[in-house]
Amino acid sequence: MALSGKLIGYVEISKTGDVFHDLFRHNPHKMVAIAPDRVHDCELHEGDRGVVGSVISWHYTEGGKKKASKQIIEAVNEANHLIVFKVIGGELVDEQYKSFRITLHVEPKGDGQVVIWTFEFEKPDTSVPYPTSLMDFLCTLVKDLDAHNHA
């Protein structure tokens, strides 16, 4: 029996939601220069960057291991700084989960902004752990990206 799960992470940022939305939607390849120890490559396979239906793959190091993830952009809401990625290849869906969806959303919080990561996934059984390591990775990446242009 498959088990559905949801994991949410929050990171307060100093930049606007536009900056993060643009970076993850239109310019993910720029993360290679900003955080080369974390993100090694981001390739466009189909479609145009940032367009619903386009397919991209990420090459990154998480938990000391080099990994890859192929994703299709399922939804975009520019006004709400929201992007939904459905994972269609890589270790997450090839080796661990039956399905995996990642949502990036930036919203106001007090005088600032907060990046919200939401994972929705289906585990084949209870032996598969919650994806907390990936959540930690993405939250740390956001902190690195937020700090980048302040130097």
N, C-alpha and C. Protein backbone atom coordinates (compact mmCIF):
# COMPACT_ATOMS: atom_id res chain seq x y z
N MET A 1 0.84 -1.19 0.00
CA MET A 1 0.00 0.00 0.00
C MET A 1 0.88 1.25 0.00
N ALA A 2 0.60 2.17 -0.91
CA ALA A 2 1.37 3.41 -1.00
C ALA A 2 0.94 4.38 0.10
N LEU A 3 1.88 5.21 0.50
CA LEU A 3 1.64 6.17 1.56
C LEU A 3 1.93 7.57 1.06
N SER A 4 0.93 8.44 1.12
CA SER A 4 1.12 9.82 0.69
C SER A 4 1.72 10.63 1.82
N GLY A 5 2.55 11.59 1.46
CA GLY A 5 3.17 12.43 2.47
C GLY A 5 3.33 13.85 1.98
N LYS A 6 3.52 14.75 2.93
CA LYS A 6 3.72 16.16 2.63
C LYS A 6 4.73 16.71 3.62
N LEU A 7 5.67 17.50 3.12
CA LEU A 7 6.69 18.11 3.96
C LEU A 7 6.82 19.57 3.53
N ILE A 8 6.84 20.49 4.49
CA ILE A 8 6.90 21.92 4.19
C ILE A 8 8.08 22.54 4.92
N GLY A 9 8.84 23.37 4.20
CA GLY A 9 9.96 24.09 4.79
C GLY A 9 9.82 25.58 4.53
N TYR A 10 10.25 26.38 5.50
CA TYR A 10 10.15 27.84 5.40
C TYR A 10 11.52 28.47 5.58
N VAL A 11 11.84 29.47 4.74
CA VAL A 11 13.09 30.21 4.86
C VAL A 11 12.79 31.69 4.69
N GLU A 12 13.08 32.47 5.72
CA GLU A 12 12.91 33.92 5.60
C GLU A 12 14.04 34.46 4.74
N ILE A 13 13.69 35.40 3.84
CA ILE A 13 14.67 35.96 2.92
C ILE A 13 14.64 37.48 2.98
N SER A 14 15.73 38.09 2.52
CA SER A 14 15.80 39.55 2.49
C SER A 14 15.46 40.09 1.11
N LYS A 15 15.59 39.25 0.08
CA LYS A 15 15.27 39.67 -1.28
C LYS A 15 13.76 39.55 -1.51
N THR A 16 13.32 40.11 -2.64
CA THR A 16 11.90 40.02 -2.98
C THR A 16 11.57 38.66 -3.59
N GLY A 17 10.31 38.34 -3.59
CA GLY A 17 9.87 37.11 -4.22
C GLY A 17 10.18 37.07 -5.70
N ASP A 18 10.19 38.25 -6.35
CA ASP A 18 10.51 38.32 -7.78
C ASP A 18 11.87 37.73 -8.07
N VAL A 19 12.85 38.02 -7.21
CA VAL A 19 14.22 37.54 -7.42
C VAL A 19 14.27 36.02 -7.42
N PHE A 20 13.65 35.39 -6.43
CA PHE A 20 13.68 33.93 -6.34
C PHE A 20 12.83 33.27 -7.43
N HIS A 21 11.69 33.86 -7.71
CA HIS A 21 10.82 33.32 -8.76
C HIS A 21 11.57 33.33 -10.09
N ASP A 22 12.21 34.45 -10.40
CA ASP A 22 12.95 34.59 -11.66
C ASP A 22 14.13 33.62 -11.72
N LEU A 23 14.84 33.48 -10.61
CA LEU A 23 16.01 32.60 -10.57
C LEU A 23 15.62 31.14 -10.82
N PHE A 24 14.63 30.65 -10.10
CA PHE A 24 14.23 29.25 -10.25
C PHE A 24 13.44 29.00 -11.53
N ARG A 25 12.74 30.01 -12.02
CA ARG A 25 11.92 29.80 -13.23
C ARG A 25 12.71 30.04 -14.52
N HIS A 26 13.34 31.20 -14.63
CA HIS A 26 13.98 31.59 -15.89
C HIS A 26 15.50 31.41 -15.92
N ASN A 27 16.14 31.44 -14.78
CA ASN A 27 17.60 31.43 -14.75
C ASN A 27 18.20 30.40 -13.80
N PRO A 28 17.68 29.18 -13.76
CA PRO A 28 18.22 28.21 -12.80
C PRO A 28 19.70 27.87 -13.06
N HIS A 29 20.13 28.03 -14.30
CA HIS A 29 21.53 27.77 -14.64
C HIS A 29 22.48 28.73 -13.92
N LYS A 30 22.00 29.90 -13.51
CA LYS A 30 22.85 30.86 -12.79
C LYS A 30 23.21 30.38 -11.39
N MET A 31 22.45 29.42 -10.85
CA MET A 31 22.75 28.89 -9.52
C MET A 31 24.09 28.16 -9.50
N VAL A 32 24.53 27.68 -10.65
CA VAL A 32 25.81 26.98 -10.74
C VAL A 32 26.94 27.92 -10.34
N ALA A 33 26.87 29.17 -10.76
CA ALA A 33 27.90 30.15 -10.41
C ALA A 33 27.75 30.64 -8.97
N ILE A 34 26.51 30.71 -8.50
CA ILE A 34 26.25 31.24 -7.15
C ILE A 34 26.58 30.19 -6.07
N ALA A 35 26.22 28.94 -6.30
CA ALA A 35 26.41 27.88 -5.30
C ALA A 35 27.01 26.63 -5.97
N PRO A 36 28.24 26.74 -6.49
CA PRO A 36 28.84 25.62 -7.24
C PRO A 36 29.09 24.35 -6.42
N ASP A 37 29.19 24.49 -5.10
CA ASP A 37 29.38 23.30 -4.26
C ASP A 37 28.08 22.53 -4.09
N ARG A 38 26.95 23.16 -4.38
CA ARG A 38 25.63 22.52 -4.24
C ARG A 38 25.02 22.17 -5.60
N VAL A 39 24.99 23.13 -6.52
CA VAL A 39 24.37 22.93 -7.83
C VAL A 39 25.46 22.91 -8.90
N HIS A 40 25.52 21.83 -9.67
CA HIS A 40 26.58 21.66 -10.65
C HIS A 40 26.13 21.95 -12.07
N ASP A 41 24.86 21.73 -12.35
CA ASP A 41 24.37 21.96 -13.71
C ASP A 41 22.84 21.99 -13.69
N CYS A 42 22.28 22.73 -14.62
CA CYS A 42 20.84 22.76 -14.82
C CYS A 42 20.62 22.85 -16.33
N GLU A 43 20.13 21.76 -16.91
CA GLU A 43 19.97 21.68 -18.36
C GLU A 43 18.51 21.77 -18.75
N LEU A 44 18.25 22.46 -19.86
CA LEU A 44 16.91 22.52 -20.44
C LEU A 44 16.83 21.42 -21.50
N HIS A 45 15.86 20.52 -21.37
CA HIS A 45 15.70 19.41 -22.32
C HIS A 45 14.61 19.66 -23.34
N GLU A 46 13.50 20.25 -22.90
CA GLU A 46 12.37 20.50 -23.80
C GLU A 46 11.74 21.82 -23.44
N GLY A 47 11.19 22.49 -24.45
CA GLY A 47 10.46 23.73 -24.22
C GLY A 47 11.38 24.92 -24.00
N ASP A 48 10.81 25.97 -23.46
CA ASP A 48 11.55 27.20 -23.16
C ASP A 48 11.68 27.34 -21.65
N ARG A 49 12.77 27.94 -21.21
CA ARG A 49 12.99 28.12 -19.77
C ARG A 49 11.80 28.80 -19.10
N GLY A 50 11.32 28.19 -18.01
CA GLY A 50 10.28 28.79 -17.21
C GLY A 50 8.87 28.60 -17.70
N VAL A 51 8.69 27.91 -18.82
CA VAL A 51 7.36 27.73 -19.40
C VAL A 51 6.76 26.41 -18.93
N VAL A 52 5.46 26.43 -18.61
CA VAL A 52 4.77 25.21 -18.22
C VAL A 52 4.95 24.17 -19.32
N GLY A 53 5.33 22.96 -18.90
CA GLY A 53 5.59 21.87 -19.84
C GLY A 53 7.04 21.70 -20.21
N SER A 54 7.88 22.67 -19.86
CA SER A 54 9.30 22.53 -20.16
C SER A 54 9.94 21.53 -19.20
N VAL A 55 10.98 20.85 -19.69
CA VAL A 55 11.65 19.81 -18.92
C VAL A 55 13.09 20.24 -18.66
N ILE A 56 13.49 20.16 -17.38
CA ILE A 56 14.86 20.51 -16.99
C ILE A 56 15.44 19.39 -16.14
N SER A 57 16.76 19.33 -16.10
CA SER A 57 17.40 18.40 -15.17
C SER A 57 18.42 19.16 -14.35
N TRP A 58 18.49 18.76 -13.10
CA TRP A 58 19.41 19.35 -12.13
C TRP A 58 20.47 18.32 -11.77
N HIS A 59 21.70 18.78 -11.63
CA HIS A 59 22.78 17.94 -11.10
C HIS A 59 23.30 18.68 -9.88
N TYR A 60 23.32 17.99 -8.75
CA TYR A 60 23.61 18.65 -7.49
C TYR A 60 24.25 17.67 -6.51
N THR A 61 24.82 18.22 -5.44
CA THR A 61 25.36 17.39 -4.37
C THR A 61 24.54 17.62 -3.13
N GLU A 62 23.95 16.54 -2.64
CA GLU A 62 23.13 16.58 -1.43
C GLU A 62 23.59 15.46 -0.51
N GLY A 63 23.86 15.81 0.73
CA GLY A 63 24.30 14.80 1.70
C GLY A 63 25.61 14.14 1.29
N GLY A 64 26.48 14.89 0.62
CA GLY A 64 27.78 14.37 0.21
C GLY A 64 27.74 13.48 -1.03
N LYS A 65 26.55 13.34 -1.64
CA LYS A 65 26.43 12.48 -2.83
C LYS A 65 25.97 13.30 -4.03
N LYS A 66 26.58 13.03 -5.19
CA LYS A 66 26.13 13.67 -6.42
C LYS A 66 24.84 13.01 -6.86
N LYS A 67 23.85 13.85 -7.21
CA LYS A 67 22.53 13.35 -7.59
C LYS A 67 22.04 14.10 -8.82
N ALA A 68 20.96 13.57 -9.39
CA ALA A 68 20.32 14.21 -10.53
C ALA A 68 18.82 14.14 -10.35
N SER A 69 18.13 15.11 -10.92
CA SER A 69 16.67 15.14 -10.86
C SER A 69 16.16 15.76 -12.16
N LYS A 70 15.28 15.04 -12.84
CA LYS A 70 14.66 15.55 -14.06
C LYS A 70 13.23 15.96 -13.70
N GLN A 71 12.86 17.17 -14.12
CA GLN A 71 11.57 17.73 -13.70
C GLN A 71 10.86 18.41 -14.85
N ILE A 72 9.54 18.40 -14.78
CA ILE A 72 8.72 19.15 -15.72
C ILE A 72 8.01 20.24 -14.92
N ILE A 73 7.97 21.44 -15.50
CA ILE A 73 7.25 22.53 -14.82
C ILE A 73 5.76 22.31 -15.08
N GLU A 74 5.02 22.07 -13.99
CA GLU A 74 3.59 21.78 -14.09
C GLU A 74 2.72 23.03 -14.00
N ALA A 75 3.14 24.00 -13.22
CA ALA A 75 2.32 25.20 -13.03
C ALA A 75 3.21 26.38 -12.65
N VAL A 76 2.76 27.56 -13.04
CA VAL A 76 3.46 28.80 -12.69
C VAL A 76 2.40 29.85 -12.38
N ASN A 77 2.63 30.60 -11.30
CA ASN A 77 1.79 31.74 -10.99
C ASN A 77 2.72 32.89 -10.64
N GLU A 78 2.94 33.75 -11.63
CA GLU A 78 3.89 34.85 -11.47
C GLU A 78 3.49 35.79 -10.34
N ALA A 79 2.21 36.14 -10.25
CA ALA A 79 1.74 37.09 -9.24
C ALA A 79 2.01 36.58 -7.82
N ASN A 80 1.89 35.27 -7.63
CA ASN A 80 2.10 34.68 -6.30
C ASN A 80 3.47 34.03 -6.15
N HIS A 81 4.36 34.26 -7.13
CA HIS A 81 5.71 33.72 -7.07
C HIS A 81 5.70 32.21 -6.79
N LEU A 82 4.92 31.47 -7.57
CA LEU A 82 4.74 30.05 -7.35
C LEU A 82 5.17 29.26 -8.59
N ILE A 83 5.91 28.18 -8.36
CA ILE A 83 6.31 27.26 -9.43
C ILE A 83 6.12 25.84 -8.89
N VAL A 84 5.51 24.98 -9.70
CA VAL A 84 5.33 23.59 -9.33
C VAL A 84 6.14 22.72 -10.29
N PHE A 85 7.04 21.91 -9.71
CA PHE A 85 7.87 21.00 -10.47
C PHE A 85 7.43 19.56 -10.17
N LYS A 86 7.18 18.78 -11.20
CA LYS A 86 6.90 17.36 -11.01
C LYS A 86 8.18 16.61 -11.37
N VAL A 87 8.68 15.81 -10.43
CA VAL A 87 9.92 15.05 -10.66
C VAL A 87 9.57 13.84 -11.53
N ILE A 88 10.25 13.73 -12.68
CA ILE A 88 9.96 12.65 -13.62
C ILE A 88 11.16 11.72 -13.84
N GLY A 89 12.30 12.03 -13.22
CA GLY A 89 13.48 11.19 -13.36
C GLY A 89 14.49 11.49 -12.27
N GLY A 90 15.44 10.60 -12.10
CA GLY A 90 16.46 10.77 -11.06
C GLY A 90 16.17 9.87 -9.87
N GLU A 91 17.06 9.91 -8.91
CA GLU A 91 16.98 9.02 -7.75
C GLU A 91 15.65 9.09 -6.99
N LEU A 92 15.08 10.29 -6.89
CA LEU A 92 13.84 10.45 -6.11
C LEU A 92 12.73 9.53 -6.60
N VAL A 93 12.50 9.50 -7.91
CA VAL A 93 11.39 8.69 -8.43
C VAL A 93 11.85 7.35 -9.02
N ASP A 94 13.12 7.25 -9.37
CA ASP A 94 13.62 5.99 -9.92
C ASP A 94 13.94 4.98 -8.84
N GLU A 95 14.33 5.49 -7.65
CA GLU A 95 14.79 4.59 -6.59
C GLU A 95 14.00 4.65 -5.29
N GLN A 96 13.33 5.78 -5.02
CA GLN A 96 12.70 5.93 -3.70
C GLN A 96 11.19 6.08 -3.71
N TYR A 97 10.69 7.09 -4.39
CA TYR A 97 9.27 7.45 -4.28
C TYR A 97 8.51 7.09 -5.55
N LYS A 98 7.23 6.80 -5.40
CA LYS A 98 6.38 6.52 -6.56
C LYS A 98 6.09 7.80 -7.33
N SER A 99 5.93 8.90 -6.61
CA SER A 99 5.71 10.21 -7.23
C SER A 99 6.28 11.27 -6.31
N PHE A 100 6.67 12.41 -6.91
CA PHE A 100 7.28 13.48 -6.12
C PHE A 100 7.01 14.80 -6.82
N ARG A 101 6.45 15.75 -6.07
CA ARG A 101 6.14 17.09 -6.59
C ARG A 101 6.75 18.10 -5.63
N ILE A 102 7.41 19.13 -6.22
CA ILE A 102 8.05 20.18 -5.43
C ILE A 102 7.43 21.52 -5.81
N THR A 103 6.95 22.25 -4.80
CA THR A 103 6.38 23.57 -5.05
C THR A 103 7.24 24.61 -4.35
N LEU A 104 7.60 25.65 -5.11
CA LEU A 104 8.32 26.81 -4.58
C LEU A 104 7.33 27.96 -4.58
N HIS A 105 7.20 28.60 -3.43
CA HIS A 105 6.25 29.71 -3.28
C HIS A 105 6.90 30.76 -2.39
N VAL A 106 6.83 32.02 -2.80
CA VAL A 106 7.35 33.11 -1.98
C VAL A 106 6.18 34.01 -1.61
N GLU A 107 6.06 34.29 -0.32
CA GLU A 107 4.96 35.16 0.11
C GLU A 107 5.45 36.14 1.17
N PRO A 108 4.72 37.25 1.34
CA PRO A 108 5.10 38.24 2.34
C PRO A 108 4.97 37.67 3.75
N LYS A 109 5.85 38.13 4.63
CA LYS A 109 5.76 37.77 6.04
C LYS A 109 6.25 38.98 6.84
N GLY A 110 5.32 39.65 7.47
CA GLY A 110 5.69 40.87 8.20
C GLY A 110 6.27 41.88 7.24
N ASP A 111 7.48 42.38 7.57
CA ASP A 111 8.14 43.34 6.70
C ASP A 111 8.99 42.66 5.63
N GLY A 112 9.09 41.35 5.69
CA GLY A 112 9.95 40.64 4.76
C GLY A 112 9.19 39.67 3.87
N GLN A 113 9.91 38.64 3.46
CA GLN A 113 9.36 37.61 2.59
C GLN A 113 9.81 36.26 3.12
N VAL A 114 9.08 35.22 2.73
CA VAL A 114 9.46 33.87 3.13
C VAL A 114 9.31 32.95 1.91
N VAL A 115 10.34 32.11 1.71
CA VAL A 115 10.27 31.08 0.69
C VAL A 115 9.66 29.85 1.35
N ILE A 116 8.68 29.28 0.69
CA ILE A 116 8.03 28.07 1.21
C ILE A 116 8.24 26.94 0.19
N TRP A 117 8.87 25.89 0.65
CA TRP A 117 9.03 24.67 -0.15
C TRP A 117 7.98 23.68 0.32
N THR A 118 7.27 23.08 -0.62
CA THR A 118 6.31 22.04 -0.28
C THR A 118 6.61 20.80 -1.11
N PHE A 119 6.81 19.69 -0.44
CA PHE A 119 7.00 18.40 -1.12
C PHE A 119 5.71 17.61 -0.95
N GLU A 120 5.21 17.07 -2.03
CA GLU A 120 4.09 16.12 -1.97
C GLU A 120 4.60 14.86 -2.64
N PHE A 121 4.51 13.75 -1.95
CA PHE A 121 5.13 12.52 -2.46
C PHE A 121 4.33 11.30 -2.07
N GLU A 122 4.63 10.22 -2.76
CA GLU A 122 4.01 8.94 -2.45
C GLU A 122 5.12 7.93 -2.23
N LYS A 123 5.15 7.35 -1.04
CA LYS A 123 6.15 6.34 -0.69
C LYS A 123 5.57 4.96 -1.00
N PRO A 124 6.41 4.06 -1.54
CA PRO A 124 5.91 2.72 -1.83
C PRO A 124 5.59 1.92 -0.56
N ASP A 125 6.32 2.23 0.53
CA ASP A 125 6.07 1.56 1.80
C ASP A 125 6.71 2.37 2.93
N THR A 126 6.53 1.92 4.15
CA THR A 126 6.99 2.68 5.32
C THR A 126 8.51 2.68 5.48
N SER A 127 9.23 1.85 4.74
CA SER A 127 10.70 1.82 4.88
C SER A 127 11.37 3.03 4.22
N VAL A 128 10.67 3.70 3.33
CA VAL A 128 11.24 4.87 2.65
C VAL A 128 11.12 6.07 3.59
N PRO A 129 12.25 6.75 3.84
CA PRO A 129 12.22 7.87 4.79
C PRO A 129 11.56 9.12 4.20
N TYR A 130 11.14 10.02 5.08
CA TYR A 130 10.69 11.32 4.63
C TYR A 130 11.88 12.06 4.02
N PRO A 131 11.66 12.91 3.01
CA PRO A 131 12.77 13.57 2.30
C PRO A 131 13.32 14.79 3.04
N THR A 132 13.67 14.60 4.31
CA THR A 132 14.14 15.73 5.12
C THR A 132 15.51 16.23 4.66
N SER A 133 16.37 15.33 4.17
CA SER A 133 17.69 15.74 3.70
C SER A 133 17.57 16.66 2.48
N LEU A 134 16.67 16.34 1.57
CA LEU A 134 16.45 17.20 0.40
C LEU A 134 15.86 18.54 0.83
N MET A 135 14.95 18.54 1.80
CA MET A 135 14.38 19.79 2.30
C MET A 135 15.47 20.65 2.92
N ASP A 136 16.34 20.05 3.73
CA ASP A 136 17.46 20.79 4.32
C ASP A 136 18.34 21.38 3.23
N PHE A 137 18.61 20.58 2.19
CA PHE A 137 19.43 21.02 1.06
C PHE A 137 18.81 22.26 0.39
N LEU A 138 17.53 22.21 0.07
CA LEU A 138 16.88 23.32 -0.62
C LEU A 138 16.76 24.56 0.26
N CYS A 139 16.52 24.38 1.54
CA CYS A 139 16.46 25.53 2.46
C CYS A 139 17.83 26.19 2.59
N THR A 140 18.88 25.40 2.66
CA THR A 140 20.24 25.94 2.73
C THR A 140 20.61 26.63 1.42
N LEU A 141 20.19 26.04 0.29
CA LEU A 141 20.44 26.67 -1.01
C LEU A 141 19.77 28.04 -1.08
N VAL A 142 18.55 28.15 -0.61
CA VAL A 142 17.85 29.45 -0.59
C VAL A 142 18.62 30.46 0.26
N LYS A 143 19.12 30.03 1.41
CA LYS A 143 19.90 30.93 2.26
C LYS A 143 21.17 31.40 1.54
N ASP A 144 21.83 30.47 0.85
CA ASP A 144 23.03 30.83 0.07
C ASP A 144 22.69 31.83 -1.03
N LEU A 145 21.60 31.58 -1.74
CA LEU A 145 21.19 32.46 -2.83
C LEU A 145 20.78 33.83 -2.30
N ASP A 146 20.11 33.86 -1.16
CA ASP A 146 19.70 35.12 -0.55
C ASP A 146 20.89 35.95 -0.13
N ALA A 147 21.93 35.29 0.38
CA ALA A 147 23.12 35.99 0.85
C ALA A 147 24.02 36.43 -0.30
N HIS A 148 23.85 35.86 -1.46
CA HIS A 148 24.79 36.05 -2.57
C HIS A 148 25.03 37.49 -2.97
N ASN A 149 24.01 38.26 -3.24
CA ASN A 149 24.21 39.61 -3.76
C ASN A 149 24.44 40.65 -2.70
N HIS A 150 24.55 40.22 -1.44
CA HIS A 150 24.78 41.19 -0.37
C HIS A 150 26.25 41.51 -0.20
N ALA A 151 27.11 40.72 -0.79
CA ALA A 151 28.57 40.92 -0.61
C ALA A 151 29.04 42.07 -1.45
